[in-house]
C-alpha atoms as a PDB file:
ATOM      1  CA  MET A   1       0.000   0.000   0.000  1.00  0.00           C
ATOM      2  CA  LYS A   2       2.802   2.362   0.876  1.00  0.00           C
ATOM      3  CA  LYS A   3       4.489   1.627  -2.469  1.00  0.00           C
ATOM      4  CA  LYS A   4       1.219   2.320  -4.268  1.00  0.00           C
ATOM      5  CA  GLN A   5       0.741   5.647  -2.423  1.00  0.00           C
ATOM      6  CA  MET A   6       4.328   6.617  -3.166  1.00  0.00           C
ATOM      7  CA  GLY A   7       3.827   5.804  -6.828  1.00  0.00           C
ATOM      8  CA  LEU A   8       0.707   7.937  -6.989  1.00  0.00           C
ATOM      9  CA  SER A   9       2.519  10.805  -5.271  1.00  0.00           C
ATOM     10  CA  LEU A  10       5.342  10.655  -7.797  1.00  0.00           C
ATOM     11  CA  VAL A  11       2.876  10.632 -10.676  1.00  0.00           C
ATOM     12  CA  MET A  12       1.001  13.615  -9.251  1.00  0.00           C
ATOM     13  CA  MET A  13       4.257  15.508  -8.695  1.00  0.00           C
ATOM     14  CA  PHE A  14       5.323  14.750 -12.267  1.00  0.00           C
ATOM     15  CA  LEU A  15       1.994  15.986 -13.621  1.00  0.00           C
ATOM     16  CA  LEU A  16       2.233  19.125 -11.492  1.00  0.00           C
ATOM     17  CA  ILE A  17       5.731  19.896 -12.799  1.00  0.00           C
ATOM     18  CA  MET A  18       4.625  19.331 -16.390  1.00  0.00           C
ATOM     19  CA  SER A  19       1.630  21.630 -15.874  1.00  0.00           C
ATOM     20  CA  LEU A  20       3.855  24.388 -14.513  1.00  0.00           C
ATOM     21  CA  MET A  21       6.217  24.009 -17.481  1.00  0.00           C
ATOM     22  CA  VAL A  22       3.330  24.266 -19.939  1.00  0.00           C
ATOM     23  CA  ILE A  23       2.008  27.376 -18.173  1.00  0.00           C
ATOM     24  CA  ALA A  24       5.457  28.936 -18.179  1.00  0.00           C
ATOM     25  CA  GLY A  25       5.874  28.085 -21.849  1.00  0.00           C
ATOM     26  CA  CYS A  26       2.538  29.649 -22.687  1.00  0.00           C
ATOM     27  CA  GLY A  27       3.566  32.750 -20.758  1.00  0.00           C
ATOM     28  CA  LYS A  28       6.745  33.030 -22.798  1.00  0.00           C
ATOM     29  CA  GLU A  29       4.866  32.535 -26.022  1.00  0.00           C
ATOM     30  CA  LYS A  30       2.375  35.186 -25.051  1.00  0.00           C
ATOM     31  CA  ALA A  31       5.157  37.613 -24.129  1.00  0.00           C
ATOM     32  CA  ALA A  32       6.894  36.922 -27.424  1.00  0.00           C
ATOM     33  CA  ASP A  33       3.693  37.538 -29.325  1.00  0.00           C
ATOM     34  CA  THR A  34       2.998  40.833 -27.525  1.00  0.00           C
ATOM     35  CA  PRO A  35       4.073  43.726 -29.774  1.00  0.00           C
ATOM     36  CA  ALA A  36       6.580  46.248 -28.397  1.00  0.00           C
ATOM     37  CA  ASP A  37       5.181  49.649 -27.398  1.00  0.00           C
ATOM     38  CA  THR A  38       4.995  51.842 -30.474  1.00  0.00           C
ATOM     39  CA  THR A  39       4.407  55.115 -28.625  1.00  0.00           C
ATOM     40  CA  ARG A  40       5.429  56.849 -25.430  1.00  0.00           C
ATOM     41  CA  THR A  41       4.384  60.024 -23.637  1.00  0.00           C
ATOM     42  CA  ILE A  42       6.732  62.764 -22.468  1.00  0.00           C
ATOM     43  CA  THR A  43       6.162  66.074 -20.681  1.00  0.00           C
ATOM     44  CA  ASP A  44       7.696  69.110 -22.380  1.00  0.00           C
ATOM     45  CA  MET A  45       8.937  72.293 -20.729  1.00  0.00           C
ATOM     46  CA  ALA A  46       5.512  73.915 -20.880  1.00  0.00           C
ATOM     47  CA  GLY A  47       4.051  70.959 -18.946  1.00  0.00           C
ATOM     48  CA  ARG A  48       2.315  69.625 -22.076  1.00  0.00           C
ATOM     49  CA  GLN A  49       1.820  65.872 -22.464  1.00  0.00           C
ATOM     50  CA  VAL A  50       3.103  64.814 -25.889  1.00  0.00           C
ATOM     51  CA  THR A  51       2.694  61.328 -27.339  1.00  0.00           C
ATOM     52  CA  LEU A  52       5.615  60.364 -29.551  1.00  0.00           C
ATOM     53  CA  PRO A  53       6.640  57.350 -31.638  1.00  0.00           C
ATOM     54  CA  ALA A  54       8.966  54.973 -29.790  1.00  0.00           C
ATOM     55  CA  GLU A  55      11.628  55.700 -32.406  1.00  0.00           C
ATOM     56  CA  ILE A  56      12.309  59.162 -33.826  1.00  0.00           C
ATOM     57  CA  ASN A  57      13.676  59.188 -37.368  1.00  0.00           C
ATOM     58  CA  ARG A  58      12.561  62.583 -38.706  1.00  0.00           C
ATOM     59  CA  ILE A  59      13.174  65.783 -36.717  1.00  0.00           C
ATOM     60  CA  ALA A  60      12.135  69.358 -37.484  1.00  0.00           C
ATOM     61  CA  ALA A  61      13.050  72.578 -35.677  1.00  0.00           C
ATOM     62  CA  VAL A  62      11.044  75.802 -36.016  1.00  0.00           C
ATOM     63  CA  GLY A  63      11.525  79.314 -34.638  1.00  0.00           C
ATOM     64  CA  PRO A  64      15.136  79.951 -33.536  1.00  0.00           C
ATOM     65  CA  VAL A  65      16.279  77.019 -35.672  1.00  0.00           C
ATOM     66  CA  PRO A  66      20.078  77.361 -35.270  1.00  0.00           C
ATOM     67  CA  VAL A  67      19.783  77.373 -31.454  1.00  0.00           C
ATOM     68  CA  ILE A  68      17.551  74.304 -31.407  1.00  0.00           C
ATOM     69  CA  ASN A  69      19.805  72.518 -33.870  1.00  0.00           C
ATOM     70  CA  THR A  70      22.743  72.848 -31.455  1.00  0.00           C
ATOM     71  CA  PHE A  71      20.858  70.638 -28.994  1.00  0.00           C
ATOM     72  CA  ILE A  72      19.997  68.096 -31.691  1.00  0.00           C
ATOM     73  CA  PHE A  73      23.651  68.060 -32.800  1.00  0.00           C
ATOM     74  CA  THR A  74      24.793  67.610 -29.185  1.00  0.00           C
ATOM     75  CA  VAL A  75      23.035  64.252 -28.863  1.00  0.00           C
ATOM     76  CA  GLY A  76      24.345  63.126 -32.246  1.00  0.00           C
ATOM     77  CA  GLU A  77      21.061  63.230 -34.166  1.00  0.00           C
ATOM     78  CA  GLY A  78      21.755  66.026 -36.656  1.00  0.00           C
ATOM     79  CA  ASP A  79      21.440  63.640 -39.587  1.00  0.00           C
ATOM     80  CA  LYS A  80      17.734  63.202 -38.796  1.00  0.00           C
ATOM     81  CA  ILE A  81      16.822  66.887 -39.279  1.00  0.00           C
ATOM     82  CA  VAL A  82      14.411  67.200 -42.223  1.00  0.00           C
ATOM     83  CA  ASN A  83      14.138  70.991 -42.665  1.00  0.00           C
ATOM     84  CA  GLY A  84      16.821  73.357 -43.885  1.00  0.00           C
ATOM     85  CA  LEU A  85      17.984  76.567 -42.281  1.00  0.00           C
ATOM     86  CA  PRO A  86      15.623  79.555 -42.355  1.00  0.00           C
ATOM     87  CA  GLY A  87      16.347  82.417 -44.704  1.00  0.00           C
ATOM     88  CA  PHE A  88      18.033  84.557 -42.035  1.00  0.00           C
ATOM     89  CA  ALA A  89      20.612  81.805 -41.383  1.00  0.00           C
ATOM     90  CA  LYS A  90      21.633  81.057 -44.955  1.00  0.00           C
ATOM     91  CA  SER A  91      24.711  83.271 -44.960  1.00  0.00           C
ATOM     92  CA  GLU A  92      28.307  82.091 -44.581  1.00  0.00           C
ATOM     93  CA  ARG A  93      28.093  83.138 -40.921  1.00  0.00           C
ATOM     94  CA  TRP A  94      26.045  79.982 -40.267  1.00  0.00           C
ATOM     95  CA  LYS A  95      28.336  77.754 -42.303  1.00  0.00           C
ATOM     96  CA  TYR A  96      29.035  75.304 -39.478  1.00  0.00           C
ATOM     97  CA  GLN A  97      25.394  74.303 -39.178  1.00  0.00           C
ATOM     98  CA  SER A  98      25.867  72.512 -42.489  1.00  0.00           C
ATOM     99  CA  VAL A  99      29.363  71.333 -41.567  1.00  0.00           C
ATOM    100  CA  PHE A 100      27.861  69.466 -38.622  1.00  0.00           C
ATOM    101  CA  ALA A 101      24.844  68.249 -40.633  1.00  0.00           C
ATOM    102  CA  PRO A 102      25.869  68.391 -44.331  1.00  0.00           C
ATOM    103  CA  HIS A 103      22.557  67.101 -45.679  1.00  0.00           C
ATOM    104  CA  MET A 104      20.765  70.211 -44.327  1.00  0.00           C
ATOM    105  CA  ALA A 105      22.127  72.254 -47.224  1.00  0.00           C
ATOM    106  CA  SER A 106      19.681  70.460 -49.525  1.00  0.00           C
ATOM    107  CA  MET A 107      16.736  70.395 -47.116  1.00  0.00           C
ATOM    108  CA  PRO A 108      13.738  72.689 -47.817  1.00  0.00           C
ATOM    109  CA  THR A 109      13.379  76.064 -46.120  1.00  0.00           C
ATOM    110  CA  ILE A 110      10.042  76.330 -44.327  1.00  0.00           C
ATOM    111  CA  GLN A 111      10.504  79.756 -42.704  1.00  0.00           C
ATOM    112  CA  GLU A 112      12.322  82.927 -43.700  1.00  0.00           C
ATOM    113  CA  SER A 113      12.508  84.819 -40.429  1.00  0.00           C
ATOM    114  CA  ARG A 114      12.262  83.791 -36.773  1.00  0.00           C
ATOM    115  CA  THR A 115       8.466  83.903 -36.986  1.00  0.00           C
ATOM    116  CA  GLU A 116       6.021  81.064 -37.601  1.00  0.00           C
ATOM    117  CA  PRO A 117       6.967  78.596 -40.338  1.00  0.00           C
ATOM    118  CA  ASN A 118       4.863  77.564 -43.309  1.00  0.00           C
ATOM    119  CA  ILE A 119       2.791  74.894 -41.572  1.00  0.00           C
ATOM    120  CA  GLU A 120       1.641  73.303 -44.842  1.00  0.00           C
ATOM    121  CA  GLU A 121       5.255  72.814 -45.958  1.00  0.00           C
ATOM    122  CA  LEU A 122       6.171  71.499 -42.510  1.00  0.00           C
ATOM    123  CA  VAL A 123       3.400  68.874 -42.706  1.00  0.00           C
ATOM    124  CA  LYS A 124       4.814  67.652 -46.034  1.00  0.00           C
ATOM    125  CA  LEU A 125       8.103  66.814 -44.302  1.00  0.00           C
ATOM    126  CA  GLU A 126       6.288  64.287 -42.080  1.00  0.00           C
ATOM    127  CA  PRO A 127       8.394  64.908 -38.955  1.00  0.00           C
ATOM    128  CA  ASP A 128       8.111  62.509 -36.033  1.00  0.00           C
ATOM    129  CA  VAL A 129       8.750  65.438 -33.713  1.00  0.00           C
ATOM    130  CA  VAL A 130       8.947  69.226 -34.058  1.00  0.00           C
ATOM    131  CA  PHE A 131      11.021  71.207 -31.535  1.00  0.00           C
ATOM    132  CA  THR A 132      10.182  74.862 -30.865  1.00  0.00           C
ATOM    133  CA  MET A 133      10.864  77.547 -28.249  1.00  0.00           C
ATOM    134  CA  ASP A 134       7.534  79.325 -28.768  1.00  0.00           C
ATOM    135  CA  GLU A 135       4.374  78.046 -27.032  1.00  0.00           C
ATOM    136  CA  GLN A 136       2.021  79.545 -29.641  1.00  0.00           C
ATOM    137  CA  MET A 137       4.060  77.938 -32.380  1.00  0.00           C
ATOM    138  CA  ALA A 138       3.876  74.622 -30.511  1.00  0.00           C
ATOM    139  CA  ALA A 139       0.082  74.975 -30.462  1.00  0.00           C
ATOM    140  CA  SER A 140      -0.030  75.670 -34.213  1.00  0.00           C
ATOM    141  CA  VAL A 141       2.098  72.616 -34.913  1.00  0.00           C
ATOM    142  CA  ALA A 142      -0.051  70.437 -32.634  1.00  0.00           C
ATOM    143  CA  ASN A 143      -3.233  71.704 -34.319  1.00  0.00           C
ATOM    144  CA  ALA A 144      -1.789  70.443 -37.600  1.00  0.00           C
ATOM    145  CA  ASN A 145      -1.584  66.946 -36.056  1.00  0.00           C
ATOM    146  CA  MET A 146       2.176  66.978 -35.589  1.00  0.00           C
ATOM    147  CA  ASN A 147       4.069  66.256 -32.380  1.00  0.00           C
ATOM    148  CA  ALA A 148       5.341  69.546 -30.968  1.00  0.00           C
ATOM    149  CA  VAL A 149       7.822  69.618 -28.087  1.00  0.00           C
ATOM    150  CA  PHE A 150       8.362  72.983 -26.396  1.00  0.00           C
ATOM    151  CA  LEU A 151      11.851  73.837 -25.137  1.00  0.00           C
ATOM    152  CA  SER A 152      12.545  76.762 -22.811  1.00  0.00           C
ATOM    153  CA  TRP A 153      15.720  78.593 -21.844  1.00  0.00           C
ATOM    154  CA  THR A 154      15.479  81.572 -19.516  1.00  0.00           C
ATOM    155  CA  GLU A 155      18.234  80.959 -16.951  1.00  0.00           C
ATOM    156  CA  PRO A 156      21.793  79.848 -17.874  1.00  0.00           C
ATOM    157  CA  GLU A 157      21.446  76.418 -16.288  1.00  0.00           C
ATOM    158  CA  ASP A 158      18.181  75.743 -18.158  1.00  0.00           C
ATOM    159  CA  VAL A 159      20.494  74.358 -20.827  1.00  0.00           C
ATOM    160  CA  LYS A 160      20.745  71.201 -18.702  1.00  0.00           C
ATOM    161  CA  GLN A 161      16.987  70.657 -18.482  1.00  0.00           C
ATOM    162  CA  THR A 162      16.692  71.387 -22.197  1.00  0.00           C
ATOM    163  CA  ILE A 163      19.365  68.899 -23.256  1.00  0.00           C
ATOM    164  CA  ASN A 164      17.910  66.248 -20.946  1.00  0.00           C
ATOM    165  CA  LEU A 165      14.501  66.643 -22.573  1.00  0.00           C
ATOM    166  CA  VAL A 166      15.973  66.533 -26.086  1.00  0.00           C
ATOM    167  CA  GLY A 167      17.915  63.424 -25.079  1.00  0.00           C
ATOM    168  CA  LYS A 168      14.754  61.786 -23.754  1.00  0.00           C
ATOM    169  CA  VAL A 169      12.749  62.613 -26.877  1.00  0.00           C
ATOM    170  CA  LEU A 170      15.477  61.333 -29.209  1.00  0.00           C
ATOM    171  CA  ASN A 171      16.391  58.273 -27.100  1.00  0.00           C
ATOM    172  CA  LYS A 172      19.848  59.694 -26.385  1.00  0.00           C
ATOM    173  CA  GLU A 173      19.609  60.105 -22.629  1.00  0.00           C
ATOM    174  CA  ALA A 174      23.115  58.764 -21.915  1.00  0.00           C
ATOM    175  CA  LEU A 175      24.768  61.353 -24.181  1.00  0.00           C
ATOM    176  CA  ALA A 176      22.567  64.105 -22.728  1.00  0.00           C
ATOM    177  CA  ASN A 177      23.705  63.068 -19.234  1.00  0.00           C
ATOM    178  CA  ASP A 178      27.331  63.185 -20.406  1.00  0.00           C
ATOM    179  CA  TYR A 179      26.778  66.746 -21.608  1.00  0.00           C
ATOM    180  CA  VAL A 180      25.281  67.807 -18.267  1.00  0.00           C
ATOM    181  CA  LYS A 181      28.314  66.383 -16.453  1.00  0.00           C
ATOM    182  CA  TYR A 182      30.624  68.188 -18.883  1.00  0.00           C
ATOM    183  CA  PHE A 183      28.724  71.456 -18.332  1.00  0.00           C
ATOM    184  CA  ASP A 184      28.957  71.143 -14.540  1.00  0.00           C
ATOM    185  CA  VAL A 185      32.623  70.120 -14.539  1.00  0.00           C
ATOM    186  CA  THR A 186      33.501  73.049 -16.825  1.00  0.00           C
ATOM    187  CA  ILE A 187      31.759  75.549 -14.541  1.00  0.00           C
ATOM    188  CA  ALA A 188      33.362  74.037 -11.447  1.00  0.00           C
ATOM    189  CA  THR A 189      36.851  73.976 -12.975  1.00  0.00           C
ATOM    190  CA  ILE A 190      36.651  77.579 -14.204  1.00  0.00           C
ATOM    191  CA  GLY A 191      34.983  78.708 -10.996  1.00  0.00           C
ATOM    192  CA  ASN A 192      37.661  77.154  -8.813  1.00  0.00           C
ATOM    193  CA  LYS A 193      40.388  79.220 -10.480  1.00  0.00           C
ATOM    194  CA  VAL A 194      38.294  82.384 -10.768  1.00  0.00           C
ATOM    195  CA  SER A 195      37.465  82.291  -7.053  1.00  0.00           C
ATOM    196  CA  ALA A 196      41.106  83.069  -6.272  1.00  0.00           C
ATOM    197  CA  ILE A 197      41.095  86.222  -8.438  1.00  0.00           C
ATOM    198  CA  PRO A 198      40.469  89.429  -6.406  1.00  0.00           C
ATOM    199  CA  GLU A 199      37.571  91.610  -7.501  1.00  0.00           C
ATOM    200  CA  GLU A 200      39.900  94.446  -8.501  1.00  0.00           C
ATOM    201  CA  LYS A 201      41.730  92.100 -10.891  1.00  0.00           C
ATOM    202  CA  ARG A 202      38.543  91.159 -12.724  1.00  0.00           C
ATOM    203  CA  PRO A 203      38.286  93.268 -15.899  1.00  0.00           C
ATOM    204  CA  ARG A 204      35.272  95.369 -16.851  1.00  0.00           C
ATOM    205  CA  VAL A 205      33.793  93.599 -19.876  1.00  0.00           C
ATOM    206  CA  LEU A 206      31.143  94.491 -22.444  1.00  0.00           C
ATOM    207  CA  TYR A 207      29.588  92.139 -24.954  1.00  0.00           C
ATOM    208  CA  ALA A 208      28.233  94.378 -27.720  1.00  0.00           C
ATOM    209  CA  ASN A 209      26.767  94.647 -31.173  1.00  0.00           C
ATOM    210  CA  ILE A 210      28.444  97.855 -32.327  1.00  0.00           C
ATOM    211  CA  GLU A 211      26.341  98.199 -35.471  1.00  0.00           C
ATOM    212  CA  SER A 212      23.101  98.390 -33.449  1.00  0.00           C
ATOM    213  CA  MET A 213      24.764  99.780 -30.294  1.00  0.00           C
ATOM    214  CA  THR A 214      23.204  97.131 -28.080  1.00  0.00           C
ATOM    215  CA  ALA A 215      24.414  94.752 -25.404  1.00  0.00           C
ATOM    216  CA  PRO A 216      22.578  91.666 -26.665  1.00  0.00           C
ATOM    217  CA  HIS A 217      21.544  88.550 -24.755  1.00  0.00           C
ATOM    218  CA  GLU A 218      21.265  88.590 -20.992  1.00  0.00           C
ATOM    219  CA  ILE A 219      23.194  85.315 -20.830  1.00  0.00           C
ATOM    220  CA  SER A 220      26.338  87.305 -21.671  1.00  0.00           C
ATOM    221  CA  ASP A 221      26.261  88.766 -18.142  1.00  0.00           C
ATOM    222  CA  TRP A 222      26.448  85.190 -16.818  1.00  0.00           C
ATOM    223  CA  TRP A 223      29.408  83.946 -18.852  1.00  0.00           C
ATOM    224  CA  ILE A 224      31.306  87.219 -18.355  1.00  0.00           C
ATOM    225  CA  GLU A 225      31.054  87.006 -14.578  1.00  0.00           C
ATOM    226  CA  THR A 226      31.490  83.222 -14.365  1.00  0.00           C
ATOM    227  CA  ALA A 227      34.693  83.564 -16.407  1.00  0.00           C
ATOM    228  CA  GLY A 228      36.102  86.162 -14.018  1.00  0.00           C
ATOM    229  CA  GLY A 229      34.976  89.463 -15.518  1.00  0.00           C
ATOM    230  CA  GLN A 230      32.630  92.267 -14.461  1.00  0.00           C
ATOM    231  CA  SER A 231      29.721  92.835 -16.846  1.00  0.00           C
ATOM    232  CA  VAL A 232      29.396  96.600 -17.251  1.00  0.00           C
ATOM    233  CA  ALA A 233      25.921  96.262 -18.795  1.00  0.00           C
ATOM    234  CA  LYS A 234      24.410  94.128 -16.051  1.00  0.00           C
ATOM    235  CA  ALA A 235      23.291  96.929 -13.720  1.00  0.00           C
ATOM    236  CA  ASP A 236      21.448  98.747 -16.525  1.00  0.00           C
ATOM    237  CA  ARG A 237      19.966  95.678 -18.212  1.00  0.00           C
ATOM    238  CA  VAL A 238      17.139  94.966 -15.749  1.00  0.00           C
ATOM    239  CA  GLY A 239      15.996  91.856 -17.604  1.00  0.00           C
ATOM    240  CA  GLN A 240      16.279  93.340 -21.105  1.00  0.00           C
ATOM    241  CA  GLN A 241      17.620  90.871 -23.654  1.00  0.00           C
ATOM    242  CA  GLN A 242      18.749  93.701 -25.950  1.00  0.00           C
ATOM    243  CA  LEU A 243      20.042  96.647 -23.942  1.00  0.00           C
ATOM    244  CA  ALA A 244      20.448  99.736 -26.113  1.00  0.00           C
ATOM    245  CA  PHE A 245      23.263 102.082 -25.090  1.00  0.00           C
ATOM    246  CA  SER A 246      24.663 105.406 -26.233  1.00  0.00           C
ATOM    247  CA  MET A 247      28.239 106.541 -26.687  1.00  0.00           C
ATOM    248  CA  GLU A 248      27.843 108.374 -23.360  1.00  0.00           C
ATOM    249  CA  HIS A 249      26.978 105.049 -21.707  1.00  0.00           C
ATOM    250  CA  LEU A 250      30.002 103.448 -23.291  1.00  0.00           C
ATOM    251  CA  LEU A 251      32.371 106.159 -22.150  1.00  0.00           C
ATOM    252  CA  LYS A 252      30.948 105.975 -18.632  1.00  0.00           C
ATOM    253  CA  TRP A 253      31.289 102.179 -18.490  1.00  0.00           C
ATOM    254  CA  ASP A 254      34.787 102.380 -20.009  1.00  0.00           C
ATOM    255  CA  PRO A 255      35.164  98.593 -20.486  1.00  0.00           C
ATOM    256  CA  GLU A 256      38.655  97.133 -20.358  1.00  0.00           C
ATOM    257  CA  ILE A 257      37.642  94.306 -22.710  1.00  0.00           C
ATOM    258  CA  ILE A 258      35.005  94.404 -25.451  1.00  0.00           C
ATOM    259  CA  ILE A 259      33.651  91.254 -27.072  1.00  0.00           C
ATOM    260  CA  VAL A 260      31.798  92.019 -30.303  1.00  0.00           C
ATOM    261  CA  SER A 261      29.114  90.078 -32.157  1.00  0.00           C
ATOM    262  CA  THR A 262      30.890  89.945 -35.515  1.00  0.00           C
ATOM    263  CA  PRO A 263      34.379  90.677 -36.870  1.00  0.00           C
ATOM    264  CA  LYS A 264      33.000  93.608 -38.864  1.00  0.00           C
ATOM    265  CA  ASP A 265      32.251  95.349 -35.558  1.00  0.00           C
ATOM    266  CA  ILE A 266      36.004  95.630 -34.994  1.00  0.00           C
ATOM    267  CA  LYS A 267      36.278  97.552 -38.266  1.00  0.00           C
ATOM    268  CA  LEU A 268      33.458  99.878 -37.179  1.00  0.00           C
ATOM    269  CA  ILE A 269      35.273 100.596 -33.918  1.00  0.00           C
ATOM    270  CA  SER A 270      38.604 101.228 -35.618  1.00  0.00           C
ATOM    271  CA  GLU A 271      37.038 103.717 -38.049  1.00  0.00           C
ATOM    272  CA  ASP A 272      35.198 105.777 -35.416  1.00  0.00           C
ATOM    273  CA  ALA A 273      37.396 108.200 -33.479  1.00  0.00           C
ATOM    274  CA  ARG A 274      34.959 108.321 -30.556  1.00  0.00           C
ATOM    275  CA  PHE A 275      35.800 104.735 -29.600  1.00  0.00           C
ATOM    276  CA  GLN A 276      39.508 105.461 -29.266  1.00  0.00           C
ATOM    277  CA  LYS A 277      38.967 106.992 -25.818  1.00  0.00           C
ATOM    278  CA  ILE A 278      37.755 103.663 -24.410  1.00  0.00           C
ATOM    279  CA  THR A 279      40.324 101.645 -22.457  1.00  0.00           C
ATOM    280  CA  ALA A 280      39.603  98.371 -24.305  1.00  0.00           C
ATOM    281  CA  VAL A 281      40.128 100.040 -27.686  1.00  0.00           C
ATOM    282  CA  ALA A 282      43.240 101.939 -26.624  1.00  0.00           C
ATOM    283  CA  ASN A 283      44.772  98.710 -25.284  1.00  0.00           C
ATOM    284  CA  LYS A 284      43.669  96.623 -28.282  1.00  0.00           C
ATOM    285  CA  GLN A 285      41.474  94.385 -26.141  1.00  0.00           C
ATOM    286  CA  VAL A 286      38.574  94.034 -28.592  1.00  0.00           C
ATOM    287  CA  TYR A 287      37.705  90.501 -29.727  1.00  0.00           C
ATOM    288  CA  PRO A 288      34.997  88.877 -31.863  1.00  0.00           C
ATOM    289  CA  THR A 289      33.004  86.094 -30.206  1.00  0.00           C
ATOM    290  CA  PRO A 290      33.772  82.624 -31.565  1.00  0.00           C
ATOM    291  CA  MET A 291      31.156  81.161 -33.899  1.00  0.00           C
ATOM    292  CA  GLY A 292      30.491  77.447 -34.384  1.00  0.00           C
ATOM    293  CA  ALA A 293      27.065  75.953 -34.894  1.00  0.00           C
ATOM    294  CA  HIS A 294      25.868  79.148 -33.256  1.00  0.00           C
ATOM    295  CA  VAL A 295      27.308  82.355 -31.818  1.00  0.00           C
ATOM    296  CA  TRP A 296      29.067  81.110 -28.683  1.00  0.00           C
ATOM    297  CA  ALA A 297      28.203  84.300 -26.784  1.00  0.00           C
ATOM    298  CA  HIS A 298      24.465  83.701 -27.285  1.00  0.00           C
ATOM    299  CA  ARG A 299      22.186  80.899 -26.127  1.00  0.00           C
ATOM    300  CA  THR A 300      23.707  77.714 -27.519  1.00  0.00           C
ATOM    301  CA  ALA A 301      24.587  74.243 -26.310  1.00  0.00           C
ATOM    302  CA  GLU A 302      28.198  75.335 -26.976  1.00  0.00           C
ATOM    303  CA  GLN A 303      28.049  77.514 -23.829  1.00  0.00           C
ATOM    304  CA  PRO A 304      30.820  75.595 -21.974  1.00  0.00           C
ATOM    305  CA  LEU A 305      33.212  76.442 -24.811  1.00  0.00           C
ATOM    306  CA  MET A 306      32.348  80.141 -24.523  1.00  0.00           C
ATOM    307  CA  LEU A 307      33.046  80.011 -20.802  1.00  0.00           C
ATOM    308  CA  MET A 308      36.504  78.511 -21.387  1.00  0.00           C
ATOM    309  CA  TRP A 309      37.294  80.977 -24.171  1.00  0.00           C
ATOM    310  CA  ALA A 310      36.218  83.945 -22.028  1.00  0.00           C
ATOM    311  CA  ALA A 311      38.211  82.780 -18.999  1.00  0.00           C
ATOM    312  CA  LYS A 312      41.368  82.380 -21.099  1.00  0.00           C
ATOM    313  CA  THR A 313      40.779  85.763 -22.772  1.00  0.00           C
ATOM    314  CA  PHE A 314      40.185  87.619 -19.480  1.00  0.00           C
ATOM    315  CA  HIS A 315      42.937  85.865 -17.496  1.00  0.00           C
ATOM    316  CA  PRO A 316      45.529  84.415 -19.889  1.00  0.00           C
ATOM    317  CA  GLU A 317      48.078  83.717 -17.142  1.00  0.00           C
ATOM    318  CA  THR A 318      45.632  81.996 -14.823  1.00  0.00           C
ATOM    319  CA  PHE A 319      44.413  79.793 -17.669  1.00  0.00           C
ATOM    320  CA  LYS A 320      47.702  79.391 -19.560  1.00  0.00           C
ATOM    321  CA  ASP A 321      47.459  75.592 -19.246  1.00  0.00           C
ATOM    322  CA  LEU A 322      44.007  75.487 -20.814  1.00  0.00           C
ATOM    323  CA  ASP A 323      44.445  74.049 -24.316  1.00  0.00           C
ATOM    324  CA  LEU A 324      41.414  75.678 -25.901  1.00  0.00           C
ATOM    325  CA  GLU A 325      42.043  74.276 -29.387  1.00  0.00           C
ATOM    326  CA  GLN A 326      42.100  70.717 -28.044  1.00  0.00           C
ATOM    327  CA  GLU A 327      38.994  71.363 -25.953  1.00  0.00           C
ATOM    328  CA  VAL A 328      37.170  72.507 -29.089  1.00  0.00           C
ATOM    329  CA  ILE A 329      38.240  69.407 -31.023  1.00  0.00           C
ATOM    330  CA  SER A 330      37.260  67.082 -28.152  1.00  0.00           C
ATOM    331  CA  TYR A 331      33.888  68.769 -27.636  1.00  0.00           C
ATOM    332  CA  TYR A 332      32.693  68.519 -31.221  1.00  0.00           C
ATOM    333  CA  GLN A 333      34.105  65.019 -31.570  1.00  0.00           C
ATOM    334  CA  LYS A 334      32.326  63.693 -28.477  1.00  0.00           C
ATOM    335  CA  PHE A 335      28.994  65.445 -28.783  1.00  0.00           C
ATOM    336  CA  TYR A 336      28.602  66.330 -32.476  1.00  0.00           C
ATOM    337  CA  ASN A 337      30.443  63.252 -33.733  1.00  0.00           C
ATOM    338  CA  LYS A 338      32.518  65.534 -35.975  1.00  0.00           C
ATOM    339  CA  THR A 339      36.305  65.650 -36.124  1.00  0.00           C
ATOM    340  CA  LEU A 340      37.526  69.148 -36.935  1.00  0.00           C
ATOM    341  CA  ASN A 341      40.906  70.005 -38.412  1.00  0.00           C
ATOM    342  CA  LYS A 342      43.138  72.849 -37.217  1.00  0.00           C
ATOM    343  CA  GLU A 343      41.926  75.222 -39.933  1.00  0.00           C
ATOM    344  CA  GLN A 344      38.312  74.709 -38.872  1.00  0.00           C
ATOM    345  CA  VAL A 345      39.133  75.204 -35.193  1.00  0.00           C
ATOM    346  CA  ASP A 346      41.003  78.427 -35.977  1.00  0.00           C
ATOM    347  CA  GLU A 347      38.065  79.597 -38.079  1.00  0.00           C
ATOM    348  CA  ILE A 348      35.558  78.947 -35.288  1.00  0.00           C
ATOM    349  CA  LEU A 349      37.720  80.719 -32.713  1.00  0.00           C
ATOM    350  CA  SER A 350      38.196  83.704 -35.035  1.00  0.00           C
ATOM    351  CA  GLY A 351      34.429  84.156 -35.239  1.00  0.00           C
ATOM    352  CA  ASP A 352      34.792  84.645 -38.997  1.00  0.00           C
ATOM    353  CA  PRO A 353      33.629  81.579 -40.987  1.00  0.00           C
ATOM    354  CA  LYS A 354      34.785  81.508 -44.605  1.00  0.00           C
ATOM    355  CA  VAL A 355      33.006  79.873 -47.521  1.00  0.00           C
END
């Protein structure tokens, strides 16, 4: 009897094991048959919920296109941009946009100025996602049944939130995280050396567009001061992105270093006798801002490079060991996946791209 009971127990155990194996097998088969998620939902910087394809293969940028493109380039997805540069950015000044994404030169232009693009032409490009920095523009794009993602940049460190969102949208979160670390390390490294420089040794600096007589872009106050300078325009700016100033203002500020928007501004200064009374001009301390994918002195993902350039320009002895040329090569190689030669690096640093 005991042998019979033991035999039945073994049979029942065997059947139980087989049943569990069948169930497990069915579970695997079901999982294998279940299709992968084809969409996902993200929250943009306006708090909007946007449903996107799992994979992004076609990207459009509208509004301040060159700025937005710098973020797309930074996560290595420039080759997926489907619209060309707007009319205002088709000069040789913006040459490096097409150096970093050569195919863009043959892509269609869907806007001429920084205003709203031609929505009908944008629809024809069938983008998987459209990046913009204008909430009304995002609404127009969404109303045309396209996926609009709003990016915002008001404070200097917003660049980190922006790149993280772009990385998330384009499935490049690891590279976006690398950029954030690079940004923070650059600020910390520069800041550590600048902290030892007495206030009286920090030069008075103006970033200016001489042709329009403005101190453009509030972010210039940030990189000037972070790099160890004193922004002469900061006290008068009061939140204005474009601070207009007169010659009287300029003489009162008497900057020791002037950074200008374009190389032609240097010519304007040299030809106007009124500027010769300014310390920066008298001491030949007038420099054009470098220009890569965007103007380094403006809002751009290239901001860490501007900080290094400014620090070395303001305090050449303190930063004599900073190999700026190598930093430029390493930056564009790592983030833009583009290896630049010496001529290109020199051109970017000169702020004067040639055709």
